[in-house]
Amino acid sequence: MRPDVLVAAARRFLVLLGGISAAIVALGLGLGALAGTPPSRSLSLGFYVAGSFLVLGGFLFGNRGPYRPDAAASESFGRSLRRATPEDVRDSVNMAALLVVLGFLLLAVGVIIDSRFQLI
């Protein structure tokens, strides 16, 4: 791959990770304030929950079957299925990998923030 393509992909990944993290921080601090928990605990729980859902979603998304809904045939005959194309399979694998990597990174951030455990 060309270096400019990799740099652009890394930039998009970091923007996605930053946006998700900002939403987790805002939601975690808000819910933590309502529940009366310390900020470090509410943030770590927010990252744990979001990371867990992304990892689970990645595994479920990656385990899709070999058939997809056929939009063209379903308009006239009800629900119809078609065989997944290689592009469909590649998209499923790529999306699953993205979700799992994001989920593990968010779980790692949650572990780093969690004040109950000493890492070093």
C-alpha atoms as a PDB file:
ATOM      1  CA  MET A   1       0.000   0.000   0.000  1.00  0.00           C
ATOM      2  CA  ARG A   2       1.029   3.542  -0.605  1.00  0.00           C
ATOM      3  CA  PRO A   3       2.117   5.562   2.431  1.00  0.00           C
ATOM      4  CA  ASP A   4      -0.379   8.355   1.744  1.00  0.00           C
ATOM      5  CA  VAL A   5      -3.242   5.850   1.798  1.00  0.00           C
ATOM      6  CA  LEU A   6      -2.043   4.418   5.121  1.00  0.00           C
ATOM      7  CA  VAL A   7      -1.675   7.890   6.641  1.00  0.00           C
ATOM      8  CA  ALA A   8      -5.192   8.831   5.535  1.00  0.00           C
ATOM      9  CA  ALA A   9      -6.594   5.576   6.940  1.00  0.00           C
ATOM     10  CA  ALA A  10      -4.783   6.099  10.261  1.00  0.00           C
ATOM     11  CA  ARG A  11      -6.114   9.669  10.446  1.00  0.00           C
ATOM     12  CA  ARG A  12      -9.697   8.506   9.853  1.00  0.00           C
ATOM     13  CA  PHE A  13      -9.272   5.743  12.457  1.00  0.00           C
ATOM     14  CA  LEU A  14      -7.957   8.204  15.050  1.00  0.00           C
ATOM     15  CA  VAL A  15     -10.785  10.650  14.326  1.00  0.00           C
ATOM     16  CA  LEU A  16     -13.290   7.814  14.791  1.00  0.00           C
ATOM     17  CA  LEU A  17     -11.607   6.706  18.025  1.00  0.00           C
ATOM     18  CA  GLY A  18     -11.490  10.296  19.293  1.00  0.00           C
ATOM     19  CA  GLY A  19     -15.146  10.923  18.474  1.00  0.00           C
ATOM     20  CA  ILE A  20     -16.280   7.748  20.197  1.00  0.00           C
ATOM     21  CA  SER A  21     -14.074   8.528  23.203  1.00  0.00           C
ATOM     22  CA  ALA A  22     -15.450  12.077  23.459  1.00  0.00           C
ATOM     23  CA  ALA A  23     -19.016  10.740  23.431  1.00  0.00           C
ATOM     24  CA  ILE A  24     -18.127   8.177  26.108  1.00  0.00           C
ATOM     25  CA  VAL A  25     -16.521  10.856  28.296  1.00  0.00           C
ATOM     26  CA  ALA A  26     -19.533  13.170  27.994  1.00  0.00           C
ATOM     27  CA  LEU A  27     -22.063  10.427  28.619  1.00  0.00           C
ATOM     28  CA  GLY A  28     -19.995   8.755  31.360  1.00  0.00           C
ATOM     29  CA  LEU A  29     -19.431  11.951  33.303  1.00  0.00           C
ATOM     30  CA  GLY A  30     -23.079  12.926  32.964  1.00  0.00           C
ATOM     31  CA  LEU A  31     -24.418   9.580  34.128  1.00  0.00           C
ATOM     32  CA  GLY A  32     -21.734   9.376  36.820  1.00  0.00           C
ATOM     33  CA  ALA A  33     -22.763  12.757  38.194  1.00  0.00           C
ATOM     34  CA  LEU A  34     -26.381  11.616  38.340  1.00  0.00           C
ATOM     35  CA  ALA A  35     -25.395   8.387  40.085  1.00  0.00           C
ATOM     36  CA  GLY A  36     -22.951  10.087  42.441  1.00  0.00           C
ATOM     37  CA  THR A  37     -19.896   8.012  41.457  1.00  0.00           C
ATOM     38  CA  PRO A  38     -16.349   9.342  41.189  1.00  0.00           C
ATOM     39  CA  PRO A  39     -15.394  10.573  37.706  1.00  0.00           C
ATOM     40  CA  SER A  40     -12.628   8.002  37.220  1.00  0.00           C
ATOM     41  CA  ARG A  41     -15.034   5.171  38.022  1.00  0.00           C
ATOM     42  CA  SER A  42     -17.802   6.456  35.752  1.00  0.00           C
ATOM     43  CA  LEU A  43     -15.337   6.983  32.890  1.00  0.00           C
ATOM     44  CA  SER A  44     -13.819   3.532  33.263  1.00  0.00           C
ATOM     45  CA  LEU A  45     -17.274   1.945  33.324  1.00  0.00           C
ATOM     46  CA  GLY A  46     -18.265   3.915  30.226  1.00  0.00           C
ATOM     47  CA  PHE A  47     -15.202   2.692  28.338  1.00  0.00           C
ATOM     48  CA  TYR A  48     -15.780  -0.875  29.563  1.00  0.00           C
ATOM     49  CA  VAL A  49     -19.402  -0.893  28.409  1.00  0.00           C
ATOM     50  CA  ALA A  50     -18.712   0.728  25.033  1.00  0.00           C
ATOM     51  CA  GLY A  51     -15.698  -1.500  24.382  1.00  0.00           C
ATOM     52  CA  SER A  52     -17.622  -4.626  25.300  1.00  0.00           C
ATOM     53  CA  PHE A  53     -20.493  -3.746  22.981  1.00  0.00           C
ATOM     54  CA  LEU A  54     -18.123  -3.001  20.104  1.00  0.00           C
ATOM     55  CA  VAL A  55     -16.230  -6.274  20.555  1.00  0.00           C
ATOM     56  CA  LEU A  56     -19.486  -8.224  20.761  1.00  0.00           C
ATOM     57  CA  GLY A  57     -20.853  -6.388  17.728  1.00  0.00           C
ATOM     58  CA  GLY A  58     -17.680  -7.131  15.799  1.00  0.00           C
ATOM     59  CA  PHE A  59     -17.905 -10.840  16.518  1.00  0.00           C
ATOM     60  CA  LEU A  60     -21.579 -10.931  15.582  1.00  0.00           C
ATOM     61  CA  PHE A  61     -21.044  -8.864  12.445  1.00  0.00           C
ATOM     62  CA  GLY A  62     -18.175 -11.112  11.365  1.00  0.00           C
ATOM     63  CA  ASN A  63     -20.279 -14.252  11.728  1.00  0.00           C
ATOM     64  CA  ARG A  64     -22.916 -13.347   9.175  1.00  0.00           C
ATOM     65  CA  GLY A  65     -24.105 -16.194   7.032  1.00  0.00           C
ATOM     66  CA  PRO A  66     -23.488 -16.712   3.327  1.00  0.00           C
ATOM     67  CA  TYR A  67     -26.817 -15.147   2.283  1.00  0.00           C
ATOM     68  CA  ARG A  68     -27.957 -11.517   2.173  1.00  0.00           C
ATOM     69  CA  PRO A  69     -31.391  -9.963   1.633  1.00  0.00           C
ATOM     70  CA  ASP A  70     -32.099  -9.324  -2.036  1.00  0.00           C
ATOM     71  CA  ALA A  71     -33.601  -5.847  -2.263  1.00  0.00           C
ATOM     72  CA  ALA A  72     -34.579  -6.109  -5.940  1.00  0.00           C
ATOM     73  CA  ALA A  73     -36.480  -9.392  -5.604  1.00  0.00           C
ATOM     74  CA  SER A  74     -38.101  -8.549  -2.272  1.00  0.00           C
ATOM     75  CA  GLU A  75     -40.136  -5.695  -3.752  1.00  0.00           C
ATOM     76  CA  SER A  76     -42.293  -8.026  -5.812  1.00  0.00           C
ATOM     77  CA  PHE A  77     -42.196 -11.421  -4.077  1.00  0.00           C
ATOM     78  CA  GLY A  78     -41.718 -10.704  -0.391  1.00  0.00           C
ATOM     79  CA  ARG A  79     -38.525 -11.712   1.387  1.00  0.00           C
ATOM     80  CA  SER A  80     -35.863 -13.102  -0.891  1.00  0.00           C
ATOM     81  CA  LEU A  81     -32.217 -14.008  -0.338  1.00  0.00           C
ATOM     82  CA  ARG A  82     -29.156 -13.942  -2.554  1.00  0.00           C
ATOM     83  CA  ARG A  83     -25.695 -15.419  -2.174  1.00  0.00           C
ATOM     84  CA  ALA A  84     -23.124 -13.038  -0.651  1.00  0.00           C
ATOM     85  CA  THR A  85     -20.674 -11.659  -3.181  1.00  0.00           C
ATOM     86  CA  PRO A  86     -16.940 -11.557  -2.439  1.00  0.00           C
ATOM     87  CA  GLU A  87     -17.315  -7.802  -1.862  1.00  0.00           C
ATOM     88  CA  ASP A  88     -20.048  -8.450   0.744  1.00  0.00           C
ATOM     89  CA  VAL A  89     -17.803 -10.926   2.550  1.00  0.00           C
ATOM     90  CA  ARG A  90     -14.820  -8.546   2.428  1.00  0.00           C
ATOM     91  CA  ASP A  91     -16.944  -5.704   3.808  1.00  0.00           C
ATOM     92  CA  SER A  92     -18.212  -7.924   6.638  1.00  0.00           C
ATOM     93  CA  VAL A  93     -14.701  -8.988   7.602  1.00  0.00           C
ATOM     94  CA  ASN A  94     -13.365  -5.430   7.439  1.00  0.00           C
ATOM     95  CA  MET A  95     -16.225  -4.049   9.543  1.00  0.00           C
ATOM     96  CA  ALA A  96     -15.847  -6.841  12.088  1.00  0.00           C
ATOM     97  CA  ALA A  97     -12.113  -6.171  12.369  1.00  0.00           C
ATOM     98  CA  LEU A  98     -12.702  -2.441  12.804  1.00  0.00           C
ATOM     99  CA  LEU A  99     -15.287  -2.979  15.544  1.00  0.00           C
ATOM    100  CA  VAL A 100     -13.150  -5.510  17.419  1.00  0.00           C
ATOM    101  CA  VAL A 101     -10.018  -3.334  17.303  1.00  0.00           C
ATOM    102  CA  LEU A 102     -11.964  -0.253  18.440  1.00  0.00           C
ATOM    103  CA  GLY A 103     -13.575  -2.287  21.205  1.00  0.00           C
ATOM    104  CA  PHE A 104     -10.263  -3.639  22.502  1.00  0.00           C
ATOM    105  CA  LEU A 105      -8.745  -0.144  22.444  1.00  0.00           C
ATOM    106  CA  LEU A 106     -11.683   1.236  24.432  1.00  0.00           C
ATOM    107  CA  LEU A 107     -11.381  -1.621  26.921  1.00  0.00           C
ATOM    108  CA  ALA A 108      -7.680  -0.845  27.283  1.00  0.00           C
ATOM    109  CA  VAL A 109      -8.450   2.829  27.943  1.00  0.00           C
ATOM    110  CA  GLY A 110     -10.970   1.734  30.569  1.00  0.00           C
ATOM    111  CA  VAL A 111      -8.327  -0.404  32.289  1.00  0.00           C
ATOM    112  CA  ILE A 112      -5.831   2.472  32.230  1.00  0.00           C
ATOM    113  CA  ILE A 113      -8.373   4.926  33.696  1.00  0.00           C
ATOM    114  CA  ASP A 114      -9.710   2.532  36.343  1.00  0.00           C
ATOM    115  CA  SER A 115      -8.292   3.654  39.678  1.00  0.00           C
ATOM    116  CA  ARG A 116      -9.075   0.376  41.458  1.00  0.00           C
ATOM    117  CA  PHE A 117      -6.081  -1.386  39.920  1.00  0.00           C
ATOM    118  CA  GLN A 118      -2.392  -0.451  39.786  1.00  0.00           C
ATOM    119  CA  LEU A 119      -0.805  -1.200  36.419  1.00  0.00           C
ATOM    120  CA  ILE A 120       2.810  -0.795  37.529  1.00  0.00           C
END
